[in-house]
Amino acid sequence: HTGERPYGCPQCGRSFSVSSALVKHQRTHREGKAHECHQCGKSFTRSSNLVAHQRSHLG
């Protein structure tokens, strides 16, 4: 747990401690925000984030 983040995204400069996190992050540049809330129009890069957001409309 050194805090080292040797895997940098060439598109935005964000860095990660493991290569798999960088690969997952790079999908956000390719796919964009493809998951849109039909109630308010807010968009998310991951479907799981959309699902979590949609719970905010239930309250």
PDB file of N, CA and C in Angstrom:
ATOM      1  N   HIS A   1       0.832  -1.196   0.000  1.00  0.00           N
ATOM      2  CA  HIS A   1       0.000   0.000   0.000  1.00  0.00           C
ATOM      3  C   HIS A   1       0.873   1.255   0.000  1.00  0.00           C
ATOM      4  N   THR A   2       1.608   1.415  -1.068  1.00  0.00           N
ATOM      5  CA  THR A   2       2.540   2.545  -1.141  1.00  0.00           C
ATOM      6  C   THR A   2       1.885   3.808  -1.681  1.00  0.00           C
ATOM      7  N   GLY A   3       0.702   3.676  -2.256  1.00  0.00           N
ATOM      8  CA  GLY A   3       0.049   4.830  -2.862  1.00  0.00           C
ATOM      9  C   GLY A   3       0.523   5.093  -4.280  1.00  0.00           C
ATOM     10  N   GLU A   4       1.401   4.239  -4.770  1.00  0.00           N
ATOM     11  CA  GLU A   4       1.926   4.397  -6.123  1.00  0.00           C
ATOM     12  C   GLU A   4       0.832   4.099  -7.151  1.00  0.00           C
ATOM     13  N   ARG A   5       0.770   4.918  -8.195  1.00  0.00           N
ATOM     14  CA  ARG A   5      -0.218   4.746  -9.260  1.00  0.00           C
ATOM     15  C   ARG A   5       0.501   4.807 -10.607  1.00  0.00           C
ATOM     16  N   PRO A   6       1.145   3.708 -10.981  1.00  0.00           N
ATOM     17  CA  PRO A   6       1.978   3.727 -12.184  1.00  0.00           C
ATOM     18  C   PRO A   6       1.222   3.596 -13.508  1.00  0.00           C
ATOM     19  N   TYR A   7      -0.074   3.295 -13.460  1.00  0.00           N
ATOM     20  CA  TYR A   7      -0.838   3.082 -14.688  1.00  0.00           C
ATOM     21  C   TYR A   7      -1.652   4.327 -15.016  1.00  0.00           C
ATOM     22  N   GLY A   8      -1.142   5.122 -15.935  1.00  0.00           N
ATOM     23  CA  GLY A   8      -1.777   6.389 -16.281  1.00  0.00           C
ATOM     24  C   GLY A   8      -2.580   6.315 -17.562  1.00  0.00           C
ATOM     25  N   CYS A   9      -3.702   6.990 -17.584  1.00  0.00           N
ATOM     26  CA  CYS A   9      -4.541   7.074 -18.778  1.00  0.00           C
ATOM     27  C   CYS A   9      -3.935   8.111 -19.725  1.00  0.00           C
ATOM     28  N   PRO A  10      -3.618   7.718 -20.951  1.00  0.00           N
ATOM     29  CA  PRO A  10      -3.030   8.674 -21.889  1.00  0.00           C
ATOM     30  C   PRO A  10      -4.008   9.752 -22.357  1.00  0.00           C
ATOM     31  N   GLN A  11      -5.308   9.517 -22.171  1.00  0.00           N
ATOM     32  CA  GLN A  11      -6.300  10.493 -22.630  1.00  0.00           C
ATOM     33  C   GLN A  11      -6.558  11.606 -21.625  1.00  0.00           C
ATOM     34  N   CYS A  12      -6.615  11.259 -20.342  1.00  0.00           N
ATOM     35  CA  CYS A  12      -6.980  12.282 -19.357  1.00  0.00           C
ATOM     36  C   CYS A  12      -5.964  12.443 -18.228  1.00  0.00           C
ATOM     37  N   GLY A  13      -4.993  11.533 -18.141  1.00  0.00           N
ATOM     38  CA  GLY A  13      -3.970  11.654 -17.119  1.00  0.00           C
ATOM     39  C   GLY A  13      -4.296  11.022 -15.782  1.00  0.00           C
ATOM     40  N   ARG A  14      -5.507  10.531 -15.613  1.00  0.00           N
ATOM     41  CA  ARG A  14      -5.863   9.878 -14.356  1.00  0.00           C
ATOM     42  C   ARG A  14      -5.008   8.628 -14.198  1.00  0.00           C
ATOM     43  N   SER A  15      -4.585   8.325 -12.980  1.00  0.00           N
ATOM     44  CA  SER A  15      -3.702   7.179 -12.784  1.00  0.00           C
ATOM     45  C   SER A  15      -4.287   6.185 -11.788  1.00  0.00           C
ATOM     46  N   PHE A  16      -3.814   4.950 -11.900  1.00  0.00           N
ATOM     47  CA  PHE A  16      -4.359   3.841 -11.130  1.00  0.00           C
ATOM     48  C   PHE A  16      -3.246   2.958 -10.599  1.00  0.00           C
ATOM     49  N   SER A  17      -3.532   2.274  -9.507  1.00  0.00           N
ATOM     50  CA  SER A  17      -2.525   1.419  -8.882  1.00  0.00           C
ATOM     51  C   SER A  17      -2.457   0.039  -9.535  1.00  0.00           C
ATOM     52  N   VAL A  18      -3.521  -0.373 -10.207  1.00  0.00           N
ATOM     53  CA  VAL A  18      -3.525  -1.673 -10.891  1.00  0.00           C
ATOM     54  C   VAL A  18      -3.953  -1.492 -12.340  1.00  0.00           C
ATOM     55  N   SER A  19      -3.389  -2.297 -13.217  1.00  0.00           N
ATOM     56  CA  SER A  19      -3.664  -2.143 -14.646  1.00  0.00           C
ATOM     57  C   SER A  19      -5.124  -2.425 -14.990  1.00  0.00           C
ATOM     58  N   SER A  20      -5.765  -3.338 -14.257  1.00  0.00           N
ATOM     59  CA  SER A  20      -7.161  -3.662 -14.552  1.00  0.00           C
ATOM     60  C   SER A  20      -8.075  -2.462 -14.312  1.00  0.00           C
ATOM     61  N   ALA A  21      -7.756  -1.640 -13.346  1.00  0.00           N
ATOM     62  CA  ALA A  21      -8.550  -0.433 -13.090  1.00  0.00           C
ATOM     63  C   ALA A  21      -8.390   0.558 -14.236  1.00  0.00           C
ATOM     64  N   LEU A  22      -7.190   0.640 -14.800  1.00  0.00           N
ATOM     65  CA  LEU A  22      -6.973   1.512 -15.953  1.00  0.00           C
ATOM     66  C   LEU A  22      -7.780   1.025 -17.145  1.00  0.00           C
ATOM     67  N   VAL A  23      -7.775  -0.271 -17.390  1.00  0.00           N
ATOM     68  CA  VAL A  23      -8.534  -0.836 -18.508  1.00  0.00           C
ATOM     69  C   VAL A  23     -10.020  -0.518 -18.350  1.00  0.00           C
ATOM     70  N   LYS A  24     -10.540  -0.696 -17.155  1.00  0.00           N
ATOM     71  CA  LYS A  24     -11.951  -0.397 -16.877  1.00  0.00           C
ATOM     72  C   LYS A  24     -12.236   1.087 -17.096  1.00  0.00           C
ATOM     73  N   HIS A  25     -11.332   1.939 -16.640  1.00  0.00           N
ATOM     74  CA  HIS A  25     -11.477   3.380 -16.811  1.00  0.00           C
ATOM     75  C   HIS A  25     -11.469   3.766 -18.285  1.00  0.00           C
ATOM     76  N   GLN A  26     -10.599   3.149 -19.075  1.00  0.00           N
ATOM     77  CA  GLN A  26     -10.481   3.511 -20.486  1.00  0.00           C
ATOM     78  C   GLN A  26     -11.767   3.249 -21.252  1.00  0.00           C
ATOM     79  N   ARG A  27     -12.579   2.322 -20.779  1.00  0.00           N
ATOM     80  CA  ARG A  27     -13.881   2.076 -21.410  1.00  0.00           C
ATOM     81  C   ARG A  27     -14.766   3.318 -21.351  1.00  0.00           C
ATOM     82  N   THR A  28     -14.600   4.130 -20.315  1.00  0.00           N
ATOM     83  CA  THR A  28     -15.438   5.327 -20.194  1.00  0.00           C
ATOM     84  C   THR A  28     -15.147   6.311 -21.317  1.00  0.00           C
ATOM     85  N   HIS A  29     -13.920   6.329 -21.818  1.00  0.00           N
ATOM     86  CA  HIS A  29     -13.583   7.204 -22.935  1.00  0.00           C
ATOM     87  C   HIS A  29     -14.165   6.663 -24.236  1.00  0.00           C
ATOM     88  N   ARG A  30     -14.154   5.349 -24.401  1.00  0.00           N
ATOM     89  CA  ARG A  30     -14.659   4.734 -25.633  1.00  0.00           C
ATOM     90  C   ARG A  30     -16.182   4.736 -25.688  1.00  0.00           C
ATOM     91  N   GLU A  31     -16.810   4.393 -24.585  1.00  0.00           N
ATOM     92  CA  GLU A  31     -18.255   4.197 -24.571  1.00  0.00           C
ATOM     93  C   GLU A  31     -19.035   5.448 -24.206  1.00  0.00           C
ATOM     94  N   GLY A  32     -18.383   6.391 -23.573  1.00  0.00           N
ATOM     95  CA  GLY A  32     -19.088   7.583 -23.136  1.00  0.00           C
ATOM     96  C   GLY A  32     -20.087   7.251 -22.042  1.00  0.00           C
ATOM     97  N   LYS A  33     -21.036   8.119 -21.868  1.00  0.00           N
ATOM     98  CA  LYS A  33     -22.047   7.910 -20.831  1.00  0.00           C
ATOM     99  C   LYS A  33     -23.291   7.321 -21.489  1.00  0.00           C
ATOM    100  N   ALA A  34     -23.292   6.019 -21.630  1.00  0.00           N
ATOM    101  CA  ALA A  34     -24.322   5.326 -22.389  1.00  0.00           C
ATOM    102  C   ALA A  34     -25.557   4.962 -21.572  1.00  0.00           C
ATOM    103  N   HIS A  35     -25.505   5.134 -20.264  1.00  0.00           N
ATOM    104  CA  HIS A  35     -26.611   4.708 -19.403  1.00  0.00           C
ATOM    105  C   HIS A  35     -27.338   5.944 -18.887  1.00  0.00           C
ATOM    106  N   GLU A  36     -28.511   6.203 -19.446  1.00  0.00           N
ATOM    107  CA  GLU A  36     -29.241   7.434 -19.133  1.00  0.00           C
ATOM    108  C   GLU A  36     -30.481   7.164 -18.297  1.00  0.00           C
ATOM    109  N   CYS A  37     -30.697   8.011 -17.302  1.00  0.00           N
ATOM    110  CA  CYS A  37     -31.888   7.936 -16.464  1.00  0.00           C
ATOM    111  C   CYS A  37     -33.062   8.502 -17.255  1.00  0.00           C
ATOM    112  N   HIS A  38     -34.092   7.711 -17.412  1.00  0.00           N
ATOM    113  CA  HIS A  38     -35.248   8.154 -18.192  1.00  0.00           C
ATOM    114  C   HIS A  38     -36.122   9.144 -17.431  1.00  0.00           C
ATOM    115  N   GLN A  39     -35.888   9.273 -16.127  1.00  0.00           N
ATOM    116  CA  GLN A  39     -36.677  10.217 -15.346  1.00  0.00           C
ATOM    117  C   GLN A  39     -36.113  11.630 -15.367  1.00  0.00           C
ATOM    118  N   CYS A  40     -34.787  11.751 -15.341  1.00  0.00           N
ATOM    119  CA  CYS A  40     -34.208  13.097 -15.261  1.00  0.00           C
ATOM    120  C   CYS A  40     -33.170  13.394 -16.340  1.00  0.00           C
ATOM    121  N   GLY A  41     -32.760  12.379 -17.092  1.00  0.00           N
ATOM    122  CA  GLY A  41     -31.819  12.600 -18.175  1.00  0.00           C
ATOM    123  C   GLY A  41     -30.352  12.532 -17.799  1.00  0.00           C
ATOM    124  N   LYS A  42     -30.045  12.358 -16.530  1.00  0.00           N
ATOM    125  CA  LYS A  42     -28.643  12.263 -16.112  1.00  0.00           C
ATOM    126  C   LYS A  42     -28.042  10.976 -16.682  1.00  0.00           C
ATOM    127  N   SER A  43     -26.783  11.058 -17.126  1.00  0.00           N
ATOM    128  CA  SER A  43     -26.130   9.911 -17.754  1.00  0.00           C
ATOM    129  C   SER A  43     -24.964   9.400 -16.923  1.00  0.00           C
ATOM    130  N   PHE A  44     -24.702   8.110 -17.064  1.00  0.00           N
ATOM    131  CA  PHE A  44     -23.659   7.443 -16.299  1.00  0.00           C
ATOM    132  C   PHE A  44     -22.841   6.533 -17.200  1.00  0.00           C
ATOM    133  N   THR A  45     -21.587   6.333 -16.813  1.00  0.00           N
ATOM    134  CA  THR A  45     -20.706   5.466 -17.586  1.00  0.00           C
ATOM    135  C   THR A  45     -20.945   3.994 -17.278  1.00  0.00           C
ATOM    136  N   ARG A  46     -21.486   3.701 -16.115  1.00  0.00           N
ATOM    137  CA  ARG A  46     -21.729   2.315 -15.713  1.00  0.00           C
ATOM    138  C   ARG A  46     -23.193   2.113 -15.366  1.00  0.00           C
ATOM    139  N   SER A  47     -23.725   0.967 -15.759  1.00  0.00           N
ATOM    140  CA  SER A  47     -25.125   0.676 -15.461  1.00  0.00           C
ATOM    141  C   SER A  47     -25.362   0.593 -13.956  1.00  0.00           C
ATOM    142  N   SER A  48     -24.371   0.119 -13.211  1.00  0.00           N
ATOM    143  CA  SER A  48     -24.537   0.015 -11.757  1.00  0.00           C
ATOM    144  C   SER A  48     -24.693   1.394 -11.119  1.00  0.00           C
ATOM    145  N   ASN A  49     -24.024   2.392 -11.665  1.00  0.00           N
ATOM    146  CA  ASN A  49     -24.175   3.755 -11.148  1.00  0.00           C
ATOM    147  C   ASN A  49     -25.552   4.311 -11.482  1.00  0.00           C
ATOM    148  N   LEU A  50     -26.074   3.956 -12.642  1.00  0.00           N
ATOM    149  CA  LEU A  50     -27.430   4.375 -13.004  1.00  0.00           C
ATOM    150  C   LEU A  50     -28.444   3.758 -12.051  1.00  0.00           C
ATOM    151  N   VAL A  51     -28.296   2.478 -11.770  1.00  0.00           N
ATOM    152  CA  VAL A  51     -29.223   1.793 -10.858  1.00  0.00           C
ATOM    153  C   VAL A  51     -29.198   2.454  -9.484  1.00  0.00           C
ATOM    154  N   ALA A  52     -28.012   2.755  -8.985  1.00  0.00           N
ATOM    155  CA  ALA A  52     -27.891   3.416  -7.684  1.00  0.00           C
ATOM    156  C   ALA A  52     -28.551   4.793  -7.727  1.00  0.00           C
ATOM    157  N   HIS A  53     -28.363   5.524  -8.823  1.00  0.00           N
ATOM    158  CA  HIS A  53     -28.968   6.848  -8.971  1.00  0.00           C
ATOM    159  C   HIS A  53     -30.491   6.756  -9.004  1.00  0.00           C
ATOM    160  N   GLN A  54     -31.015   5.768  -9.706  1.00  0.00           N
ATOM    161  CA  GLN A  54     -32.469   5.649  -9.850  1.00  0.00           C
ATOM    162  C   GLN A  54     -33.160   5.470  -8.505  1.00  0.00           C
ATOM    163  N   ARG A  55     -32.445   4.940  -7.543  1.00  0.00           N
ATOM    164  CA  ARG A  55     -33.017   4.798  -6.199  1.00  0.00           C
ATOM    165  C   ARG A  55     -33.331   6.165  -5.595  1.00  0.00           C
ATOM    166  N   SER A  56     -32.623   7.200  -6.029  1.00  0.00           N
ATOM    167  CA  SER A  56     -32.869   8.541  -5.487  1.00  0.00           C
ATOM    168  C   SER A  56     -34.236   9.074  -5.903  1.00  0.00           C
ATOM    169  N   HIS A  57     -34.795   8.536  -6.956  1.00  0.00           N
ATOM    170  CA  HIS A  57     -36.113   8.973  -7.409  1.00  0.00           C
ATOM    171  C   HIS A  57     -37.240   8.289  -6.637  1.00  0.00           C
ATOM    172  N   LEU A  58     -36.924   7.251  -5.885  1.00  0.00           N
ATOM    173  CA  LEU A  58     -37.949   6.501  -5.159  1.00  0.00           C
ATOM    174  C   LEU A  58     -38.387   7.187  -3.876  1.00  0.00           C
ATOM    175  N   GLY A  59     -37.493   7.980  -3.272  1.00  0.00           N
ATOM    176  CA  GLY A  59     -37.703   8.555  -1.960  1.00  0.00           C
ATOM    177  C   GLY A  59     -38.714   9.604  -1.868  1.00  0.00           C
TER     178      GLY A  59
END
